[in-house]
């Protein structure tokens, strides 16, 4: 299944979805985090992105306070401009955007306290 690469189509078809759970970014010291959303192997260690509840249960030190918004549009991994469009719109409101790309969808992590505002901004990009 080939993803969409045209930016106008990506923005027009994306349906941002807000996960109801609070997320955190942690650094595993060998702990296994059940249900981790993502891991990133870096030179300094294994970054784990998971719900705060899962990180606490695994006793992983973490930075809480993040909301996960899934864009729900099948973007081609070679598509140009989607991340920039999202980051630019959120930047204008002073909202940080930490993006993780999956095979089918992109996921944006924004400050938990500003998640509803971020959703309104991303939904506005569909116009």
PDB file of N, CA and C in Angstrom:
ATOM      1  N   UNK A   1       0.841  -1.175   0.000  1.00  0.00           N
ATOM      2  CA  UNK A   1       0.000   0.000   0.000  1.00  0.00           C
ATOM      3  C   UNK A   1       0.888   1.241   0.000  1.00  0.00           C
ATOM      4  N   UNK A   2       0.725   2.069  -1.000  1.00  0.00           N
ATOM      5  CA  UNK A   2       1.535   3.267  -1.153  1.00  0.00           C
ATOM      6  C   UNK A   2       0.858   4.429  -0.430  1.00  0.00           C
ATOM      7  N   UNK A   3       1.654   5.184   0.316  1.00  0.00           N
ATOM      8  CA  UNK A   3       1.143   6.336   1.035  1.00  0.00           C
ATOM      9  C   UNK A   3       1.003   7.553   0.131  1.00  0.00           C
ATOM     10  N   UNK A   4       0.373   8.567   0.662  1.00  0.00           N
ATOM     11  CA  UNK A   4       0.164   9.826  -0.051  1.00  0.00           C
ATOM     12  C   UNK A   4       1.423  10.669   0.080  1.00  0.00           C
ATOM     13  N   UNK A   5       1.851  11.283  -1.022  1.00  0.00           N
ATOM     14  CA  UNK A   5       3.039  12.133  -0.972  1.00  0.00           C
ATOM     15  C   UNK A   5       2.729  13.599  -1.243  1.00  0.00           C
ATOM     16  N   UNK A   6       1.573  13.888  -1.817  1.00  0.00           N
ATOM     17  CA  UNK A   6       1.198  15.271  -2.121  1.00  0.00           C
ATOM     18  C   UNK A   6       0.792  15.988  -0.836  1.00  0.00           C
ATOM     19  N   UNK A   7       1.454  17.113  -0.525  1.00  0.00           N
ATOM     20  CA  UNK A   7       1.224  17.807   0.734  1.00  0.00           C
ATOM     21  C   UNK A   7      -0.220  18.288   0.873  1.00  0.00           C
ATOM     22  N   UNK A   8      -0.794  18.842  -0.182  1.00  0.00           N
ATOM     23  CA  UNK A   8      -2.178  19.322  -0.097  1.00  0.00           C
ATOM     24  C   UNK A   8      -3.135  18.174   0.233  1.00  0.00           C
ATOM     25  N   UNK A   9      -2.910  17.024  -0.388  1.00  0.00           N
ATOM     26  CA  UNK A   9      -3.752  15.861  -0.095  1.00  0.00           C
ATOM     27  C   UNK A   9      -3.528  15.355   1.329  1.00  0.00           C
ATOM     28  N   UNK A  10      -2.285  15.344   1.769  1.00  0.00           N
ATOM     29  CA  UNK A  10      -1.984  14.902   3.135  1.00  0.00           C
ATOM     30  C   UNK A  10      -2.708  15.770   4.156  1.00  0.00           C
ATOM     31  N   UNK A  11      -2.594  17.074   3.987  1.00  0.00           N
ATOM     32  CA  UNK A  11      -3.242  17.988   4.931  1.00  0.00           C
ATOM     33  C   UNK A  11      -4.759  17.896   4.844  1.00  0.00           C
ATOM     34  N   UNK A  12      -5.272  17.759   3.632  1.00  0.00           N
ATOM     35  CA  UNK A  12      -6.713  17.685   3.445  1.00  0.00           C
ATOM     36  C   UNK A  12      -7.342  16.411   3.976  1.00  0.00           C
ATOM     37  N   UNK A  13      -6.585  15.342   3.961  1.00  0.00           N
ATOM     38  CA  UNK A  13      -7.132  14.044   4.376  1.00  0.00           C
ATOM     39  C   UNK A  13      -6.794  13.645   5.811  1.00  0.00           C
ATOM     40  N   UNK A  14      -5.845  14.352   6.422  1.00  0.00           N
ATOM     41  CA  UNK A  14      -5.455  13.917   7.761  1.00  0.00           C
ATOM     42  C   UNK A  14      -6.576  14.183   8.766  1.00  0.00           C
ATOM     43  N   UNK A  15      -6.703  13.248   9.677  1.00  0.00           N
ATOM     44  CA  UNK A  15      -7.685  13.363  10.751  1.00  0.00           C
ATOM     45  C   UNK A  15      -6.928  13.184  12.057  1.00  0.00           C
ATOM     46  N   UNK A  16      -6.511  14.292  12.681  1.00  0.00           N
ATOM     47  CA  UNK A  16      -5.768  14.161  13.933  1.00  0.00           C
ATOM     48  C   UNK A  16      -6.607  13.486  15.010  1.00  0.00           C
ATOM     49  N   UNK A  17      -5.996  12.560  15.717  1.00  0.00           N
ATOM     50  CA  UNK A  17      -6.671  11.859  16.811  1.00  0.00           C
ATOM     51  C   UNK A  17      -5.845  11.961  18.080  1.00  0.00           C
ATOM     52  N   UNK A  18      -6.474  12.403  19.150  1.00  0.00           N
ATOM     53  CA  UNK A  18      -5.796  12.599  20.426  1.00  0.00           C
ATOM     54  C   UNK A  18      -5.934  11.368  21.301  1.00  0.00           C
ATOM     55  N   UNK A  19      -4.815  10.809  21.717  1.00  0.00           N
ATOM     56  CA  UNK A  19      -4.831   9.683  22.651  1.00  0.00           C
ATOM     57  C   UNK A  19      -5.206  10.230  24.033  1.00  0.00           C
ATOM     58  N   UNK A  20      -6.076   9.547  24.766  1.00  0.00           N
ATOM     59  CA  UNK A  20      -6.510  10.074  26.063  1.00  0.00           C
ATOM     60  C   UNK A  20      -5.476   9.950  27.183  1.00  0.00           C
ATOM     61  N   UNK A  21      -4.421   9.184  26.967  1.00  0.00           N
ATOM     62  CA  UNK A  21      -3.421   8.954  28.014  1.00  0.00           C
ATOM     63  C   UNK A  21      -2.287   9.977  27.940  1.00  0.00           C
ATOM     64  N   UNK A  22      -1.733  10.326  29.100  1.00  0.00           N
ATOM     65  CA  UNK A  22      -0.549  11.170  29.155  1.00  0.00           C
ATOM     66  C   UNK A  22       0.677  10.303  28.876  1.00  0.00           C
ATOM     67  N   UNK A  23       1.596  10.832  28.078  1.00  0.00           N
ATOM     68  CA  UNK A  23       2.815  10.119  27.704  1.00  0.00           C
ATOM     69  C   UNK A  23       4.038  10.761  28.343  1.00  0.00           C
ATOM     70  N   UNK A  24       5.126  10.014  28.326  1.00  0.00           N
ATOM     71  CA  UNK A  24       6.398  10.520  28.795  1.00  0.00           C
ATOM     72  C   UNK A  24       7.518   9.970  27.941  1.00  0.00           C
ATOM     73  N   UNK A  25       8.659  10.612  28.040  1.00  0.00           N
ATOM     74  CA  UNK A  25       9.884  10.179  27.371  1.00  0.00           C
ATOM     75  C   UNK A  25      10.855   9.785  28.470  1.00  0.00           C
ATOM     76  N   UNK A  26      11.365   8.575  28.409  1.00  0.00           N
ATOM     77  CA  UNK A  26      12.269   8.105  29.447  1.00  0.00           C
ATOM     78  C   UNK A  26      13.495   7.443  28.858  1.00  0.00           C
ATOM     79  N   UNK A  27      14.451   7.185  29.715  1.00  0.00           N
ATOM     80  CA  UNK A  27      15.680   6.509  29.313  1.00  0.00           C
ATOM     81  C   UNK A  27      15.754   5.195  30.071  1.00  0.00           C
ATOM     82  N   UNK A  28      15.621   4.094  29.348  1.00  0.00           N
ATOM     83  CA  UNK A  28      15.640   2.778  29.969  1.00  0.00           C
ATOM     84  C   UNK A  28      17.055   2.418  30.396  1.00  0.00           C
ATOM     85  N   UNK A  29      17.145   1.868  31.581  1.00  0.00           N
ATOM     86  CA  UNK A  29      18.419   1.347  32.093  1.00  0.00           C
ATOM     87  C   UNK A  29      18.351  -0.177  32.089  1.00  0.00           C
ATOM     88  N   UNK A  30      17.686  -0.714  31.062  1.00  0.00           N
ATOM     89  CA  UNK A  30      17.518  -2.152  30.947  1.00  0.00           C
ATOM     90  C   UNK A  30      16.108  -2.611  31.277  1.00  0.00           C
ATOM     91  N   UNK A  31      15.282  -1.701  31.804  1.00  0.00           N
ATOM     92  CA  UNK A  31      13.901  -2.072  32.111  1.00  0.00           C
ATOM     93  C   UNK A  31      13.114  -2.280  30.823  1.00  0.00           C
ATOM     94  N   UNK A  32      12.193  -3.213  30.875  1.00  0.00           N
ATOM     95  CA  UNK A  32      11.278  -3.435  29.760  1.00  0.00           C
ATOM     96  C   UNK A  32       9.987  -2.699  30.095  1.00  0.00           C
ATOM     97  N   UNK A  33       9.530  -1.870  29.171  1.00  0.00           N
ATOM     98  CA  UNK A  33       8.301  -1.113  29.388  1.00  0.00           C
ATOM     99  C   UNK A  33       7.203  -1.777  28.574  1.00  0.00           C
ATOM    100  N   UNK A  34       6.301  -2.453  29.277  1.00  0.00           N
ATOM    101  CA  UNK A  34       5.185  -3.120  28.597  1.00  0.00           C
ATOM    102  C   UNK A  34       4.324  -2.078  27.893  1.00  0.00           C
ATOM    103  N   UNK A  35       4.026  -2.342  26.635  1.00  0.00           N
ATOM    104  CA  UNK A  35       3.157  -1.449  25.875  1.00  0.00           C
ATOM    105  C   UNK A  35       3.821  -0.169  25.427  1.00  0.00           C
ATOM    106  N   UNK A  36       5.153  -0.120  25.383  1.00  0.00           N
ATOM    107  CA  UNK A  36       5.843   1.092  24.928  1.00  0.00           C
ATOM    108  C   UNK A  36       5.356   1.466  23.535  1.00  0.00           C
ATOM    109  N   UNK A  37       5.144   2.747  23.317  1.00  0.00           N
ATOM    110  CA  UNK A  37       4.707   3.209  22.002  1.00  0.00           C
ATOM    111  C   UNK A  37       5.867   3.187  21.014  1.00  0.00           C
ATOM    112  N   UNK A  38       7.042   3.653  21.463  1.00  0.00           N
ATOM    113  CA  UNK A  38       8.202   3.709  20.573  1.00  0.00           C
ATOM    114  C   UNK A  38       9.478   3.632  21.393  1.00  0.00           C
ATOM    115  N   UNK A  39      10.516   3.139  20.743  1.00  0.00           N
ATOM    116  CA  UNK A  39      11.852   3.171  21.323  1.00  0.00           C
ATOM    117  C   UNK A  39      12.803   3.721  20.273  1.00  0.00           C
ATOM    118  N   UNK A  40      13.806   4.429  20.757  1.00  0.00           N
ATOM    119  CA  UNK A  40      14.820   4.979  19.873  1.00  0.00           C
ATOM    120  C   UNK A  40      16.175   4.633  20.472  1.00  0.00           C
ATOM    121  N   UNK A  41      16.960   3.860  19.733  1.00  0.00           N
ATOM    122  CA  UNK A  41      18.288   3.480  20.200  1.00  0.00           C
ATOM    123  C   UNK A  41      19.260   4.595  19.855  1.00  0.00           C
ATOM    124  N   UNK A  42      19.749   5.262  20.890  1.00  0.00           N
ATOM    125  CA  UNK A  42      20.709   6.340  20.713  1.00  0.00           C
ATOM    126  C   UNK A  42      22.030   5.925  21.356  1.00  0.00           C
ATOM    127  N   UNK A  43      23.069   6.627  21.023  1.00  0.00           N
ATOM    128  CA  UNK A  43      24.385   6.322  21.576  1.00  0.00           C
ATOM    129  C   UNK A  43      24.369   6.377  23.106  1.00  0.00           C
ATOM    130  N   UNK A  44      23.560   7.298  23.650  1.00  0.00           N
ATOM    131  CA  UNK A  44      23.531   7.475  25.107  1.00  0.00           C
ATOM    132  C   UNK A  44      22.638   6.468  25.823  1.00  0.00           C
ATOM    133  N   UNK A  45      21.805   5.766  25.079  1.00  0.00           N
ATOM    134  CA  UNK A  45      20.918   4.789  25.697  1.00  0.00           C
ATOM    135  C   UNK A  45      19.632   4.638  24.925  1.00  0.00           C
ATOM    136  N   UNK A  46      18.713   3.855  25.493  1.00  0.00           N
ATOM    137  CA  UNK A  46      17.448   3.563  24.827  1.00  0.00           C
ATOM    138  C   UNK A  46      16.357   4.493  25.325  1.00  0.00           C
ATOM    139  N   UNK A  47      15.896   5.374  24.448  1.00  0.00           N
ATOM    140  CA  UNK A  47      14.774   6.245  24.766  1.00  0.00           C
ATOM    141  C   UNK A  47      13.500   5.436  24.609  1.00  0.00           C
ATOM    142  N   UNK A  48      12.621   5.547  25.595  1.00  0.00           N
ATOM    143  CA  UNK A  48      11.338   4.859  25.553  1.00  0.00           C
ATOM    144  C   UNK A  48      10.234   5.904  25.631  1.00  0.00           C
ATOM    145  N   UNK A  49       9.290   5.825  24.694  1.00  0.00           N
ATOM    146  CA  UNK A  49       8.116   6.692  24.704  1.00  0.00           C
ATOM    147  C   UNK A  49       6.931   5.791  25.040  1.00  0.00           C
ATOM    148  N   UNK A  50       6.258   6.120  26.130  1.00  0.00           N
ATOM    149  CA  UNK A  50       5.151   5.287  26.601  1.00  0.00           C
ATOM    150  C   UNK A  50       4.235   6.132  27.469  1.00  0.00           C
ATOM    151  N   UNK A  51       3.112   5.548  27.829  1.00  0.00           N
ATOM    152  CA  UNK A  51       2.234   6.259  28.750  1.00  0.00           C
ATOM    153  C   UNK A  51       2.979   6.448  30.071  1.00  0.00           C
ATOM    154  N   UNK A  52       2.625   7.494  30.771  1.00  0.00           N
ATOM    155  CA  UNK A  52       3.235   7.749  32.070  1.00  0.00           C
ATOM    156  C   UNK A  52       2.997   6.564  33.004  1.00  0.00           C
ATOM    157  N   UNK A  53       1.815   5.994  32.938  1.00  0.00           N
ATOM    158  CA  UNK A  53       1.501   4.837  33.789  1.00  0.00           C
ATOM    159  C   UNK A  53       2.445   3.670  33.509  1.00  0.00           C
ATOM    160  N   UNK A  54       2.720   3.407  32.240  1.00  0.00           N
ATOM    161  CA  UNK A  54       3.610   2.303  31.879  1.00  0.00           C
ATOM    162  C   UNK A  54       5.050   2.587  32.309  1.00  0.00           C
ATOM    163  N   UNK A  55       5.491   3.825  32.154  1.00  0.00           N
ATOM    164  CA  UNK A  55       6.844   4.186  32.563  1.00  0.00           C
ATOM    165  C   UNK A  55       7.002   4.084  34.080  1.00  0.00           C
ATOM    166  N   UNK A  56       5.996   4.521  34.805  1.00  0.00           N
ATOM    167  CA  UNK A  56       6.047   4.405  36.269  1.00  0.00           C
ATOM    168  C   UNK A  56       6.055   2.944  36.694  1.00  0.00           C
ATOM    169  N   UNK A  57       5.218   2.141  36.060  1.00  0.00           N
ATOM    170  CA  UNK A  57       5.149   0.715  36.409  1.00  0.00           C
ATOM    171  C   UNK A  57       6.483   0.020  36.182  1.00  0.00           C
ATOM    172  N   UNK A  58       7.218   0.442  35.164  1.00  0.00           N
ATOM    173  CA  UNK A  58       8.522  -0.159  34.858  1.00  0.00           C
ATOM    174  C   UNK A  58       9.656   0.529  35.615  1.00  0.00           C
ATOM    175  N   UNK A  59       9.301   1.545  36.402  1.00  0.00           N
ATOM    176  CA  UNK A  59      10.278   2.305  37.183  1.00  0.00           C
ATOM    177  C   UNK A  59      11.356   2.934  36.306  1.00  0.00           C
ATOM    178  N   UNK A  60      10.904   3.532  35.201  1.00  0.00           N
ATOM    179  CA  UNK A  60      11.799   4.241  34.287  1.00  0.00           C
ATOM    180  C   UNK A  60      11.692   5.738  34.589  1.00  0.00           C
ATOM    181  N   UNK A  61      12.825   6.357  34.884  1.00  0.00           N
ATOM    182  CA  UNK A  61      12.839   7.807  35.069  1.00  0.00           C
ATOM    183  C   UNK A  61      12.426   8.443  33.747  1.00  0.00           C
ATOM    184  N   UNK A  62      11.550   9.436  33.819  1.00  0.00           N
ATOM    185  CA  UNK A  62      11.012   9.991  32.579  1.00  0.00           C
ATOM    186  C   UNK A  62      10.579  11.442  32.750  1.00  0.00           C
ATOM    187  N   UNK A  63      10.372  12.074  31.617  1.00  0.00           N
ATOM    188  CA  UNK A  63       9.804  13.411  31.573  1.00  0.00           C
ATOM    189  C   UNK A  63       8.340  13.247  31.167  1.00  0.00           C
ATOM    190  N   UNK A  64       7.409  13.468  32.087  1.00  0.00           N
ATOM    191  CA  UNK A  64       5.991  13.340  31.749  1.00  0.00           C
ATOM    192  C   UNK A  64       5.487  14.624  31.086  1.00  0.00           C
ATOM    193  N   UNK A  65       4.191  14.620  30.788  1.00  0.00           N
ATOM    194  CA  UNK A  65       3.575  15.853  30.314  1.00  0.00           C
ATOM    195  C   UNK A  65       3.408  15.968  28.810  1.00  0.00           C
ATOM    196  N   UNK A  66       3.264  14.840  28.142  1.00  0.00           N
ATOM    197  CA  UNK A  66       3.147  14.861  26.686  1.00  0.00           C
ATOM    198  C   UNK A  66       1.862  14.181  26.228  1.00  0.00           C
ATOM    199  N   UNK A  67       1.272  14.740  25.195  1.00  0.00           N
ATOM    200  CA  UNK A  67       0.071  14.169  24.580  1.00  0.00           C
ATOM    201  C   UNK A  67       0.453  13.657  23.201  1.00  0.00           C
ATOM    202  N   UNK A  68      -0.114  12.501  22.829  1.00  0.00           N
ATOM    203  CA  UNK A  68       0.160  11.928  21.500  1.00  0.00           C
ATOM    204  C   UNK A  68      -1.019  12.195  20.584  1.00  0.00           C
ATOM    205  N   UNK A  69      -0.732  12.851  19.473  1.00  0.00           N
ATOM    206  CA  UNK A  69      -1.730  13.090  18.434  1.00  0.00           C
ATOM    207  C   UNK A  69      -1.295  12.300  17.207  1.00  0.00           C
ATOM    208  N   UNK A  70      -2.132  11.366  16.781  1.00  0.00           N
ATOM    209  CA  UNK A  70      -1.856  10.587  15.574  1.00  0.00           C
ATOM    210  C   UNK A  70      -2.573  11.259  14.412  1.00  0.00           C
ATOM    211  N   UNK A  71      -1.878  11.434  13.306  1.00  0.00           N
ATOM    212  CA  UNK A  71      -2.432  12.211  12.195  1.00  0.00           C
ATOM    213  C   UNK A  71      -3.410  11.440  11.326  1.00  0.00           C
ATOM    214  N   UNK A  72      -3.440  10.140  11.414  1.00  0.00           N
ATOM    215  CA  UNK A  72      -4.426   9.315  10.710  1.00  0.00           C
ATOM    216  C   UNK A  72      -4.557   9.663   9.231  1.00  0.00           C
ATOM    217  N   UNK A  73      -3.430   9.718   8.580  1.00  0.00           N
ATOM    218  CA  UNK A  73      -3.379   9.786   7.120  1.00  0.00           C
ATOM    219  C   UNK A  73      -2.144   8.973   6.736  1.00  0.00           C
ATOM    220  N   UNK A  74      -2.291   8.120   5.720  1.00  0.00           N
ATOM    221  CA  UNK A  74      -1.166   7.266   5.330  1.00  0.00           C
ATOM    222  C   UNK A  74      -0.196   8.072   4.479  1.00  0.00           C
ATOM    223  N   UNK A  75       0.802   8.621   5.151  1.00  0.00           N
ATOM    224  CA  UNK A  75       1.792   9.435   4.457  1.00  0.00           C
ATOM    225  C   UNK A  75       2.919   8.563   3.926  1.00  0.00           C
ATOM    226  N   UNK A  76       3.347   8.879   2.732  1.00  0.00           N
ATOM    227  CA  UNK A  76       4.504   8.220   2.138  1.00  0.00           C
ATOM    228  C   UNK A  76       5.726   8.652   2.936  1.00  0.00           C
ATOM    229  N   UNK A  77       6.628   7.741   3.206  1.00  0.00           N
ATOM    230  CA  UNK A  77       7.828   8.091   3.955  1.00  0.00           C
ATOM    231  C   UNK A  77       8.687   9.124   3.230  1.00  0.00           C
ATOM    232  N   UNK A  78       8.490   9.266   1.912  1.00  0.00           N
ATOM    233  CA  UNK A  78       9.244  10.240   1.138  1.00  0.00           C
ATOM    234  C   UNK A  78       8.479  11.541   0.918  1.00  0.00           C
ATOM    235  N   UNK A  79       7.311  11.668   1.527  1.00  0.00           N
ATOM    236  CA  UNK A  79       6.523  12.900   1.383  1.00  0.00           C
ATOM    237  C   UNK A  79       7.316  14.076   1.945  1.00  0.00           C
ATOM    238  N   UNK A  80       7.185  15.201   1.286  1.00  0.00           N
ATOM    239  CA  UNK A  80       7.918  16.400   1.695  1.00  0.00           C
ATOM    240  C   UNK A  80       6.940  17.454   2.202  1.00  0.00           C
ATOM    241  N   UNK A  81       7.195  17.967   3.396  1.00  0.00           N
ATOM    242  CA  UNK A  81       6.469  19.129   3.886  1.00  0.00           C
ATOM    243  C   UNK A  81       5.467  18.902   4.997  1.00  0.00           C
ATOM    244  N   UNK A  82       5.047  17.663   5.240  1.00  0.00           N
ATOM    245  CA  UNK A  82       4.030  17.430   6.264  1.00  0.00           C
ATOM    246  C   UNK A  82       4.547  17.822   7.647  1.00  0.00           C
ATOM    247  N   UNK A  83       5.711  17.332   8.005  1.00  0.00           N
ATOM    248  CA  UNK A  83       6.277  17.665   9.309  1.00  0.00           C
ATOM    249  C   UNK A  83       6.495  19.165   9.432  1.00  0.00           C
ATOM    250  N   UNK A  84       6.981  19.786   8.374  1.00  0.00           N
ATOM    251  CA  UNK A  84       7.225  21.229   8.397  1.00  0.00           C
ATOM    252  C   UNK A  84       5.922  22.010   8.567  1.00  0.00           C
ATOM    253  N   UNK A  85       4.873  21.600   7.870  1.00  0.00           N
ATOM    254  CA  UNK A  85       3.587  22.298   7.969  1.00  0.00           C
ATOM    255  C   UNK A  85       3.022  22.209   9.381  1.00  0.00           C
ATOM    256  N   UNK A  86       3.127  21.038   9.966  1.00  0.00           N
ATOM    257  CA  UNK A  86       2.617  20.824  11.321  1.00  0.00           C
ATOM    258  C   UNK A  86       3.445  21.616  12.327  1.00  0.00           C
ATOM    259  N   UNK A  87       4.761  21.488  12.228  1.00  0.00           N
ATOM    260  CA  UNK A  87       5.642  22.187  13.159  1.00  0.00           C
ATOM    261  C   UNK A  87       5.488  23.706  13.037  1.00  0.00           C
ATOM    262  N   UNK A  88       5.330  24.206  11.821  1.00  0.00           N
ATOM    263  CA  UNK A  88       5.170  25.643  11.612  1.00  0.00           C
ATOM    264  C   UNK A  88       3.888  26.149  12.256  1.00  0.00           C
ATOM    265  N   UNK A  89       2.790  25.421  12.057  1.00  0.00           N
ATOM    266  CA  UNK A  89       1.504  25.828  12.630  1.00  0.00           C
ATOM    267  C   UNK A  89       1.551  25.800  14.158  1.00  0.00           C
ATOM    268  N   UNK A  90       2.154  24.774  14.718  1.00  0.00           N
ATOM    269  CA  UNK A  90       2.244  24.681  16.177  1.00  0.00           C
ATOM    270  C   UNK A  90       3.234  25.702  16.740  1.00  0.00           C
ATOM    271  N   UNK A  91       4.312  25.945  16.022  1.00  0.00           N
ATOM    272  CA  UNK A  91       5.303  26.931  16.447  1.00  0.00           C
ATOM    273  C   UNK A  91       4.681  28.318  16.556  1.00  0.00           C
ATOM    274  N   UNK A  92       3.812  28.657  15.638  1.00  0.00           N
ATOM    275  CA  UNK A  92       3.156  29.973  15.667  1.00  0.00           C
ATOM    276  C   UNK A  92       2.374  30.181  16.957  1.00  0.00           C
ATOM    277  N   UNK A  93       1.937  29.104  17.582  1.00  0.00           N
ATOM    278  CA  UNK A  93       1.201  29.173  18.846  1.00  0.00           C
ATOM    279  C   UNK A  93       2.110  28.893  20.045  1.00  0.00           C
ATOM    280  N   UNK A  94       3.398  28.682  19.802  1.00  0.00           N
ATOM    281  CA  UNK A  94       4.333  28.403  20.888  1.00  0.00           C
ATOM    282  C   UNK A  94       4.213  27.000  21.448  1.00  0.00           C
ATOM    283  N   UNK A  95       3.771  26.060  20.624  1.00  0.00           N
ATOM    284  CA  UNK A  95       3.615  24.668  21.036  1.00  0.00           C
ATOM    285  C   UNK A  95       4.719  23.843  20.391  1.00  0.00           C
ATOM    286  N   UNK A  96       5.461  23.103  21.207  1.00  0.00           N
ATOM    287  CA  UNK A  96       6.519  22.258  20.651  1.00  0.00           C
ATOM    288  C   UNK A  96       5.909  21.044  19.972  1.00  0.00           C
ATOM    289  N   UNK A  97       6.625  20.518  18.992  1.00  0.00           N
ATOM    290  CA  UNK A  97       6.160  19.346  18.247  1.00  0.00           C
ATOM    291  C   UNK A  97       7.304  18.349  18.157  1.00  0.00           C
ATOM    292  N   UNK A  98       7.121  17.202  18.806  1.00  0.00           N
ATOM    293  CA  UNK A  98       8.081  16.109  18.713  1.00  0.00           C
ATOM    294  C   UNK A  98       7.426  15.025  17.874  1.00  0.00           C
ATOM    295  N   UNK A  99       7.949  14.802  16.668  1.00  0.00           N
ATOM    296  CA  UNK A  99       7.302  13.927  15.695  1.00  0.00           C
ATOM    297  C   UNK A  99       8.005  12.578  15.616  1.00  0.00           C
ATOM    298  N   UNK A 100       7.206  11.520  15.625  1.00  0.00           N
ATOM    299  CA  UNK A 100       7.707  10.169  15.382  1.00  0.00           C
ATOM    300  C   UNK A 100       6.939   9.631  14.182  1.00  0.00           C
ATOM    301  N   UNK A 101       7.664   9.215  13.167  1.00  0.00           N
ATOM    302  CA  UNK A 101       7.030   8.677  11.971  1.00  0.00           C
ATOM    303  C   UNK A 101       6.950   7.170  12.050  1.00  0.00           C
ATOM    304  N   UNK A 102       5.752   6.652  11.837  1.00  0.00           N
ATOM    305  CA  UNK A 102       5.557   5.225  11.694  1.00  0.00           C
ATOM    306  C   UNK A 102       5.441   4.902  10.218  1.00  0.00           C
ATOM    307  N   UNK A 103       5.292   3.646   9.893  1.00  0.00           N
ATOM    308  CA  UNK A 103       5.166   3.249   8.486  1.00  0.00           C
ATOM    309  C   UNK A 103       3.920   3.855   7.851  1.00  0.00           C
ATOM    310  N   UNK A 104       2.819   3.862   8.568  1.00  0.00           N
ATOM    311  CA  UNK A 104       1.565   4.361   8.014  1.00  0.00           C
ATOM    312  C   UNK A 104       1.212   5.773   8.438  1.00  0.00           C
ATOM    313  N   UNK A 105       1.577   6.167   9.651  1.00  0.00           N
ATOM    314  CA  UNK A 105       1.126   7.453  10.187  1.00  0.00           C
ATOM    315  C   UNK A 105       2.255   8.172  10.910  1.00  0.00           C
ATOM    316  N   UNK A 106       2.064   9.476  11.019  1.00  0.00           N
ATOM    317  CA  UNK A 106       2.955  10.300  11.828  1.00  0.00           C
ATOM    318  C   UNK A 106       2.260  10.590  13.147  1.00  0.00           C
ATOM    319  N   UNK A 107       3.052  10.715  14.200  1.00  0.00           N
ATOM    320  CA  UNK A 107       2.536  10.955  15.539  1.00  0.00           C
ATOM    321  C   UNK A 107       3.271  12.163  16.106  1.00  0.00           C
ATOM    322  N   UNK A 108       2.506  13.111  16.620  1.00  0.00           N
ATOM    323  CA  UNK A 108       3.079  14.350  17.145  1.00  0.00           C
ATOM    324  C   UNK A 108       2.858  14.373  18.650  1.00  0.00           C
ATOM    325  N   UNK A 109       3.921  14.616  19.383  1.00  0.00           N
ATOM    326  CA  UNK A 109       3.829  14.747  20.834  1.00  0.00           C
ATOM    327  C   UNK A 109       3.905  16.228  21.178  1.00  0.00           C
ATOM    328  N   UNK A 110       2.886  16.705  21.862  1.00  0.00           N
ATOM    329  CA  UNK A 110       2.786  18.117  22.253  1.00  0.00           C
ATOM    330  C   UNK A 110       2.616  18.186  23.768  1.00  0.00           C
ATOM    331  N   UNK A 111       2.819  19.383  24.321  1.00  0.00           N
ATOM    332  CA  UNK A 111       2.655  19.543  25.759  1.00  0.00           C
ATOM    333  C   UNK A 111       1.238  19.127  26.163  1.00  0.00           C
ATOM    334  N   UNK A 112       1.150  18.308  27.210  1.00  0.00           N
ATOM    335  CA  UNK A 112      -0.123  17.790  27.698  1.00  0.00           C
ATOM    336  C   UNK A 112      -1.120  18.921  27.977  1.00  0.00           C
ATOM    337  N   UNK A 113      -0.659  19.973  28.608  1.00  0.00           N
ATOM    338  CA  UNK A 113      -1.544  21.075  28.985  1.00  0.00           C
ATOM    339  C   UNK A 113      -2.094  21.828  27.771  1.00  0.00           C
ATOM    340  N   UNK A 114      -1.475  21.666  26.612  1.00  0.00           N
ATOM    341  CA  UNK A 114      -1.892  22.409  25.413  1.00  0.00           C
ATOM    342  C   UNK A 114      -2.449  21.486  24.332  1.00  0.00           C
ATOM    343  N   UNK A 115      -2.787  20.272  24.713  1.00  0.00           N
ATOM    344  CA  UNK A 115      -3.233  19.270  23.735  1.00  0.00           C
ATOM    345  C   UNK A 115      -4.494  19.679  22.987  1.00  0.00           C
ATOM    346  N   UNK A 116      -5.471  20.272  23.663  1.00  0.00           N
ATOM    347  CA  UNK A 116      -6.715  20.657  22.977  1.00  0.00           C
ATOM    348  C   UNK A 116      -6.465  21.784  21.986  1.00  0.00           C
ATOM    349  N   UNK A 117      -5.625  22.719  22.371  1.00  0.00           N
ATOM    350  CA  UNK A 117      -5.258  23.810  21.460  1.00  0.00           C
ATOM    351  C   UNK A 117      -4.519  23.258  20.240  1.00  0.00           C
ATOM    352  N   UNK A 118      -3.602  22.327  20.483  1.00  0.00           N
ATOM    353  CA  UNK A 118      -2.861  21.709  19.378  1.00  0.00           C
ATOM    354  C   UNK A 118      -3.811  20.982  18.430  1.00  0.00           C
ATOM    355  N   UNK A 119      -4.793  20.303  18.980  1.00  0.00           N
ATOM    356  CA  UNK A 119      -5.777  19.605  18.138  1.00  0.00           C
ATOM    357  C   UNK A 119      -6.530  20.597  17.253  1.00  0.00           C
ATOM    358  N   UNK A 120      -6.960  21.709  17.822  1.00  0.00           N
ATOM    359  CA  UNK A 120      -7.682  22.725  17.014  1.00  0.00           C
ATOM    360  C   UNK A 120      -6.797  23.249  15.882  1.00  0.00           C
ATOM    361  N   UNK A 121      -5.525  23.475  16.187  1.00  0.00           N
ATOM    362  CA  UNK A 121      -4.606  23.974  15.162  1.00  0.00           C
ATOM    363  C   UNK A 121      -4.436  22.944  14.058  1.00  0.00           C
ATOM    364  N   UNK A 122      -4.207  21.697  14.424  1.00  0.00           N
ATOM    365  CA  UNK A 122      -4.013  20.660  13.408  1.00  0.00           C
ATOM    366  C   UNK A 122      -5.267  20.415  12.596  1.00  0.00           C
ATOM    367  N   UNK A 123      -6.418  20.453  13.223  1.00  0.00           N
ATOM    368  CA  UNK A 123      -7.677  20.311  12.486  1.00  0.00           C
ATOM    369  C   UNK A 123      -7.863  21.463  11.520  1.00  0.00           C
ATOM    370  N   UNK A 124      -7.368  22.649  11.894  1.00  0.00           N
ATOM    371  CA  UNK A 124      -7.452  23.826  11.023  1.00  0.00           C
ATOM    372  C   UNK A 124      -6.608  23.703   9.767  1.00  0.00           C
ATOM    373  N   UNK A 125      -5.591  22.860   9.804  1.00  0.00           N
ATOM    374  CA  UNK A 125      -4.755  22.661   8.612  1.00  0.00           C
ATOM    375  C   UNK A 125      -5.489  21.895   7.515  1.00  0.00           C
ATOM    376  N   UNK A 126      -6.573  21.248   7.874  1.00  0.00           N
ATOM    377  CA  UNK A 126      -7.328  20.449   6.904  1.00  0.00           C
ATOM    378  C   UNK A 126      -8.076  21.321   5.912  1.00  0.00           C
ATOM    379  N   UNK A 127      -8.290  22.567   6.234  1.00  0.00           N
ATOM    380  CA  UNK A 127      -9.095  23.461   5.375  1.00  0.00           C
ATOM    381  C   UNK A 127      -8.414  23.754   4.063  1.00  0.00           C
TER     382      UNK A 127
END
